[in-house]
């Protein structure tokens, strides 16, 4: 602390000026790496056509990674993210595949490795959000969500692991949620899926550490993102000490850090990006 009572500019992870970072995050922006700390790395981001996935794809590209932008069907949106990355001087391509389909996943990862030679980073972000009272929930609704959250994560991880192991290491980040531990009305299937991701994260961190692969789960809190028309009204901001919703950029910054050399010894952790809400 300086004599004038102000904090010095400082850097996050030795790379990002604190003042610039704060301005970007408050406006929904993303962490800007001062140098290309992920240069030479190849990242696959599932569900990357919008919101948090989009922000993560751009953040990794700005840190120097080549990014495979995955979407299930939204090719135009995925191509738009690719366009943003390329316009900023990065390298990216879109890959349209339903991660709940093992054949589609294997074909996608084979295409990525054919183009770029490997996969170093896997971001398991793809999910769907549906609200149905449990008593009214059909098995098809139950499976439609869990097939993406759990089966899709299994398929993608299995497909990417050989490349990571051959490369001598890598990073896997799952995107969890606060309801994994707290539960939520009309979102039993979502709570189960996210809790399953946390279990997957902890188990993989123990199993893959010997291959120098770190595995973590990042759990956003109340988010300022675009919402589907059939979603319920956004809940008011309550029990958030920081007094506001998190932005996609703030989540993306944490994900990026976990994939860098500076974050390589962080593994098996559940990291909340929620402004302190989880302590309630």
Protein backbone atom coordinates (compact mmCIF):
# COMPACT_ATOMS: atom_id res chain seq x y z
CA UNK A 1 0.00 0.00 0.00
CA UNK A 2 1.40 3.39 -0.99
CA UNK A 3 1.35 6.40 1.31
CA UNK A 4 -1.54 7.86 -0.66
CA UNK A 5 -3.69 4.87 0.35
CA UNK A 6 -3.81 3.42 -3.17
CA UNK A 7 -2.72 -0.05 -4.17
CA UNK A 8 0.14 -0.35 -6.68
CA UNK A 9 -0.82 -1.47 -10.17
CA UNK A 10 0.55 -4.97 -9.64
CA UNK A 11 0.11 -7.93 -11.95
CA UNK A 12 -2.07 -11.03 -11.91
CA UNK A 13 0.01 -14.13 -12.52
CA UNK A 14 2.92 -11.86 -13.38
CA UNK A 15 1.23 -11.01 -16.67
CA UNK A 16 -1.78 -8.73 -16.36
CA UNK A 17 -1.90 -5.17 -15.07
CA UNK A 18 -4.38 -4.98 -12.22
CA UNK A 19 -6.00 -1.73 -13.28
CA UNK A 20 -6.52 -2.83 -16.88
CA UNK A 21 -7.87 -6.19 -15.75
CA UNK A 22 -10.42 -4.58 -13.43
CA UNK A 23 -11.69 -2.33 -16.19
CA UNK A 24 -12.04 -5.23 -18.63
CA UNK A 25 -13.82 -7.48 -16.17
CA UNK A 26 -16.32 -4.89 -15.04
CA UNK A 27 -17.32 -4.37 -18.66
CA UNK A 28 -17.62 -8.08 -19.38
CA UNK A 29 -14.23 -8.25 -21.04
CA UNK A 30 -11.57 -10.91 -20.65
CA UNK A 31 -8.05 -11.17 -19.29
CA UNK A 32 -5.48 -9.89 -21.76
CA UNK A 33 -2.16 -11.75 -21.55
CA UNK A 34 0.90 -9.51 -21.72
CA UNK A 35 2.73 -12.21 -23.67
CA UNK A 36 1.76 -15.44 -25.39
CA UNK A 37 2.15 -17.81 -22.44
CA UNK A 38 0.09 -20.49 -24.23
CA UNK A 39 1.94 -20.19 -27.54
CA UNK A 40 2.29 -23.59 -29.21
CA UNK A 41 -0.65 -25.05 -27.25
CA UNK A 42 -3.84 -26.37 -28.81
CA UNK A 43 -7.11 -26.01 -26.90
CA UNK A 44 -10.53 -27.56 -27.45
CA UNK A 45 -13.39 -25.58 -25.89
CA UNK A 46 -16.78 -27.30 -25.97
CA UNK A 47 -19.91 -25.18 -26.12
CA UNK A 48 -17.82 -22.22 -27.24
CA UNK A 49 -20.27 -20.39 -29.49
CA UNK A 50 -21.62 -18.00 -26.85
CA UNK A 51 -21.43 -16.66 -23.30
CA UNK A 52 -18.77 -18.28 -21.06
CA UNK A 53 -17.51 -20.66 -23.73
CA UNK A 54 -16.98 -17.82 -26.17
CA UNK A 55 -15.09 -15.78 -23.57
CA UNK A 56 -12.86 -18.76 -22.72
CA UNK A 57 -12.06 -19.44 -26.37
CA UNK A 58 -11.05 -15.81 -26.92
CA UNK A 59 -9.04 -15.66 -23.68
CA UNK A 60 -7.03 -18.76 -24.58
CA UNK A 61 -6.41 -17.44 -28.09
CA UNK A 62 -5.21 -14.11 -26.72
CA UNK A 63 -2.73 -16.04 -24.58
CA UNK A 64 -1.36 -17.65 -27.75
CA UNK A 65 -3.23 -20.96 -27.96
CA UNK A 66 -4.69 -22.33 -31.16
CA UNK A 67 -8.36 -22.84 -30.37
CA UNK A 68 -10.85 -25.40 -31.61
CA UNK A 69 -14.25 -23.74 -31.14
CA UNK A 70 -16.89 -26.43 -30.64
CA UNK A 71 -20.64 -26.07 -30.94
CA UNK A 72 -23.38 -28.66 -31.30
CA UNK A 73 -25.36 -26.97 -34.07
CA UNK A 74 -24.73 -23.20 -33.91
CA UNK A 75 -22.20 -23.02 -36.75
CA UNK A 76 -22.83 -19.35 -37.49
CA UNK A 77 -22.17 -18.41 -33.86
CA UNK A 78 -19.07 -20.62 -33.68
CA UNK A 79 -17.76 -19.12 -36.92
CA UNK A 80 -18.34 -15.64 -35.47
CA UNK A 81 -16.11 -16.52 -32.49
CA UNK A 82 -13.48 -17.84 -34.87
CA UNK A 83 -13.73 -14.59 -36.79
CA UNK A 84 -13.14 -12.56 -33.64
CA UNK A 85 -10.06 -14.61 -32.79
CA UNK A 86 -8.61 -14.37 -36.29
CA UNK A 87 -9.30 -10.63 -36.49
CA UNK A 88 -7.17 -10.22 -33.36
CA UNK A 89 -4.33 -12.22 -34.92
CA UNK A 90 -5.10 -15.58 -33.35
CA UNK A 91 -5.63 -19.03 -34.81
CA UNK A 92 -8.93 -20.87 -34.56
CA UNK A 93 -11.38 -23.07 -36.43
CA UNK A 94 -14.93 -24.16 -35.69
CA UNK A 95 -15.81 -27.81 -35.12
CA UNK A 96 -19.49 -28.72 -35.15
CA UNK A 97 -20.16 -31.87 -33.14
CA UNK A 98 -22.62 -33.14 -30.55
CA UNK A 99 -20.39 -34.17 -27.65
CA UNK A 100 -23.08 -36.60 -26.46
CA UNK A 101 -22.30 -38.65 -29.60
CA UNK A 102 -19.10 -40.65 -29.10
CA UNK A 103 -18.54 -41.11 -32.85
CA UNK A 104 -18.89 -37.37 -33.44
CA UNK A 105 -16.45 -36.62 -30.61
CA UNK A 106 -13.85 -39.08 -31.88
CA UNK A 107 -14.14 -37.68 -35.39
CA UNK A 108 -13.83 -34.10 -34.12
CA UNK A 109 -10.73 -34.81 -32.03
CA UNK A 110 -9.19 -36.77 -34.92
CA UNK A 111 -9.78 -33.74 -37.16
CA UNK A 112 -8.23 -31.38 -34.61
CA UNK A 113 -5.13 -33.52 -34.16
CA UNK A 114 -4.83 -33.91 -37.94
CA UNK A 115 -4.90 -30.14 -38.40
CA UNK A 116 -2.87 -29.05 -35.39
CA UNK A 117 -0.97 -32.17 -34.34
CA UNK A 118 -2.27 -32.47 -30.77
CA UNK A 119 -4.63 -31.29 -28.04
CA UNK A 120 -3.01 -29.79 -24.92
CA UNK A 121 -6.00 -28.15 -23.26
CA UNK A 122 -9.57 -29.40 -22.87
CA UNK A 123 -12.30 -27.09 -21.57
CA UNK A 124 -15.51 -28.98 -20.78
CA UNK A 125 -18.01 -26.14 -20.93
CA UNK A 126 -20.88 -27.52 -23.04
CA UNK A 127 -24.17 -27.87 -21.21
CA UNK A 128 -27.86 -27.17 -21.50
CA UNK A 129 -30.06 -25.50 -18.90
CA UNK A 130 -33.61 -26.75 -18.55
CA UNK A 131 -36.09 -26.09 -15.78
CA UNK A 132 -38.60 -28.83 -14.98
CA UNK A 133 -40.11 -29.85 -11.67
CA UNK A 134 -38.78 -33.28 -10.76
CA UNK A 135 -42.27 -34.77 -10.51
CA UNK A 136 -42.89 -33.74 -14.13
CA UNK A 137 -39.45 -34.65 -15.46
CA UNK A 138 -39.30 -37.37 -18.09
CA UNK A 139 -36.44 -39.80 -18.50
CA UNK A 140 -35.73 -38.21 -21.88
CA UNK A 141 -35.28 -34.81 -20.21
CA UNK A 142 -33.05 -36.37 -17.56
CA UNK A 143 -30.86 -38.08 -20.14
CA UNK A 144 -30.73 -35.13 -22.55
CA UNK A 145 -28.90 -33.07 -19.94
CA UNK A 146 -26.74 -35.77 -18.38
CA UNK A 147 -25.70 -37.11 -21.80
CA UNK A 148 -24.01 -33.77 -22.48
CA UNK A 149 -22.70 -32.92 -19.02
CA UNK A 150 -21.41 -36.37 -18.05
CA UNK A 151 -21.30 -38.62 -21.12
CA UNK A 152 -19.93 -35.79 -23.25
CA UNK A 153 -17.21 -35.04 -20.72
CA UNK A 154 -16.29 -38.72 -20.64
CA UNK A 155 -16.12 -38.96 -24.43
CA UNK A 156 -14.09 -35.77 -24.87
CA UNK A 157 -11.62 -36.60 -22.12
CA UNK A 158 -11.08 -40.12 -23.40
CA UNK A 159 -10.51 -38.82 -26.93
CA UNK A 160 -8.04 -36.09 -25.91
CA UNK A 161 -6.01 -37.93 -23.27
CA UNK A 162 -3.70 -39.88 -25.60
CA UNK A 163 -2.55 -36.63 -27.20
CA UNK A 164 -1.98 -34.95 -23.83
CA UNK A 165 -0.04 -37.88 -22.46
CA UNK A 166 2.10 -38.07 -25.61
CA UNK A 167 2.82 -34.33 -25.33
CA UNK A 168 4.01 -34.76 -21.75
CA UNK A 169 1.20 -32.92 -20.02
CA UNK A 170 -1.85 -30.74 -20.37
CA UNK A 171 -4.79 -29.12 -18.65
CA UNK A 172 -8.44 -30.05 -18.25
CA UNK A 173 -10.99 -27.61 -16.85
CA UNK A 174 -14.60 -28.52 -16.19
CA UNK A 175 -17.27 -25.85 -15.78
CA UNK A 176 -19.33 -26.56 -12.71
CA UNK A 177 -22.00 -24.54 -10.96
CA UNK A 178 -23.17 -23.51 -7.53
CA UNK A 179 -26.16 -25.85 -7.71
CA UNK A 180 -23.80 -28.83 -7.66
CA UNK A 181 -23.55 -28.46 -3.90
CA UNK A 182 -26.57 -26.35 -3.04
CA UNK A 183 -29.19 -27.91 -5.32
CA UNK A 184 -31.91 -25.94 -7.10
CA UNK A 185 -35.64 -26.26 -7.63
CA UNK A 186 -36.63 -27.47 -11.10
CA UNK A 187 -32.99 -28.26 -11.88
CA UNK A 188 -32.40 -31.64 -10.25
CA UNK A 189 -30.84 -33.02 -13.42
CA UNK A 190 -28.56 -29.98 -13.68
CA UNK A 191 -27.47 -30.29 -10.05
CA UNK A 192 -26.71 -33.98 -10.50
CA UNK A 193 -24.73 -33.32 -13.68
CA UNK A 194 -22.61 -30.56 -12.18
CA UNK A 195 -21.98 -32.59 -9.02
CA UNK A 196 -20.87 -35.45 -11.24
CA UNK A 197 -18.41 -33.12 -12.99
CA UNK A 198 -16.90 -32.23 -9.62
CA UNK A 199 -16.42 -35.91 -8.85
CA UNK A 200 -14.89 -36.46 -12.29
CA UNK A 201 -12.53 -33.54 -11.70
CA UNK A 202 -11.22 -34.79 -8.37
CA UNK A 203 -10.77 -38.37 -9.54
CA UNK A 204 -9.03 -37.39 -12.77
CA UNK A 205 -6.72 -35.02 -10.90
CA UNK A 206 -5.47 -37.96 -8.83
CA UNK A 207 -5.21 -40.33 -11.77
CA UNK A 208 -3.64 -37.99 -14.33
CA UNK A 209 -1.18 -36.11 -12.13
CA UNK A 210 1.56 -38.59 -12.97
CA UNK A 211 1.17 -37.51 -16.61
CA UNK A 212 1.58 -33.83 -15.65
CA UNK A 213 -2.06 -33.12 -16.47
CA UNK A 214 -3.80 -30.78 -14.04
CA UNK A 215 -7.58 -31.00 -13.71
CA UNK A 216 -9.78 -28.38 -12.07
CA UNK A 217 -13.39 -27.29 -11.87
CA UNK A 218 -14.42 -23.63 -12.17
CA UNK A 219 -17.89 -22.84 -10.83
CA UNK A 220 -19.51 -19.57 -11.89
CA UNK A 221 -21.98 -17.88 -9.57
CA UNK A 222 -24.81 -15.61 -10.70
CA UNK A 223 -23.84 -14.70 -14.24
CA UNK A 224 -24.44 -11.78 -16.55
CA UNK A 225 -25.05 -13.80 -19.73
CA UNK A 226 -27.59 -14.10 -22.52
CA UNK A 227 -30.49 -16.38 -21.59
CA UNK A 228 -32.80 -18.58 -23.61
CA UNK A 229 -36.36 -17.35 -24.08
CA UNK A 230 -37.84 -20.29 -22.16
CA UNK A 231 -35.80 -19.63 -19.02
CA UNK A 232 -37.36 -18.18 -15.89
CA UNK A 233 -36.71 -14.56 -14.98
CA UNK A 234 -33.22 -13.83 -13.73
CA UNK A 235 -33.06 -13.96 -9.93
CA UNK A 236 -32.10 -10.75 -8.12
CA UNK A 237 -28.53 -10.43 -6.88
CA UNK A 238 -28.65 -11.54 -3.25
CA UNK A 239 -26.04 -12.83 -0.82
CA UNK A 240 -23.22 -11.68 -3.10
CA UNK A 241 -20.76 -9.61 -1.06
CA UNK A 242 -19.36 -8.03 -4.24
CA UNK A 243 -22.87 -6.81 -5.05
CA UNK A 244 -23.08 -7.83 -8.70
CA UNK A 245 -23.13 -10.76 -11.12
CA UNK A 246 -19.96 -12.29 -12.50
CA UNK A 247 -19.05 -11.71 -16.14
CA UNK A 248 -17.97 -14.35 -18.68
CA UNK A 249 -14.61 -12.61 -18.82
CA UNK A 250 -13.97 -13.14 -15.13
CA UNK A 251 -14.65 -16.86 -15.47
CA UNK A 252 -12.50 -17.02 -18.61
CA UNK A 253 -9.59 -15.36 -16.83
CA UNK A 254 -9.52 -18.03 -14.14
CA UNK A 255 -9.80 -20.83 -16.70
CA UNK A 256 -6.95 -19.34 -18.72
CA UNK A 257 -4.73 -19.07 -15.66
CA UNK A 258 -5.27 -22.74 -14.78
CA UNK A 259 -3.99 -23.70 -18.25
CA UNK A 260 -0.78 -21.66 -18.04
CA UNK A 261 2.56 -22.74 -16.57
CA UNK A 262 1.83 -20.54 -13.54
CA UNK A 263 -1.29 -22.61 -12.80
CA UNK A 264 0.17 -26.02 -13.51
CA UNK A 265 0.46 -27.05 -9.84
CA UNK A 266 -3.17 -26.25 -9.14
CA UNK A 267 -5.12 -29.48 -9.52
CA UNK A 268 -8.18 -31.17 -8.09
CA UNK A 269 -9.66 -27.85 -7.01
CA UNK A 270 -13.16 -26.38 -7.13
CA UNK A 271 -12.82 -22.65 -7.72
CA UNK A 272 -15.86 -20.42 -7.35
CA UNK A 273 -16.17 -17.23 -9.37
CA UNK A 274 -19.15 -15.88 -7.48
CA UNK A 275 -18.20 -12.72 -5.62
CA UNK A 276 -18.16 -14.59 -2.31
CA UNK A 277 -21.71 -15.99 -2.55
CA UNK A 278 -20.78 -19.59 -1.75
CA UNK A 279 -19.84 -18.68 1.82
CA UNK A 280 -23.56 -18.13 2.42
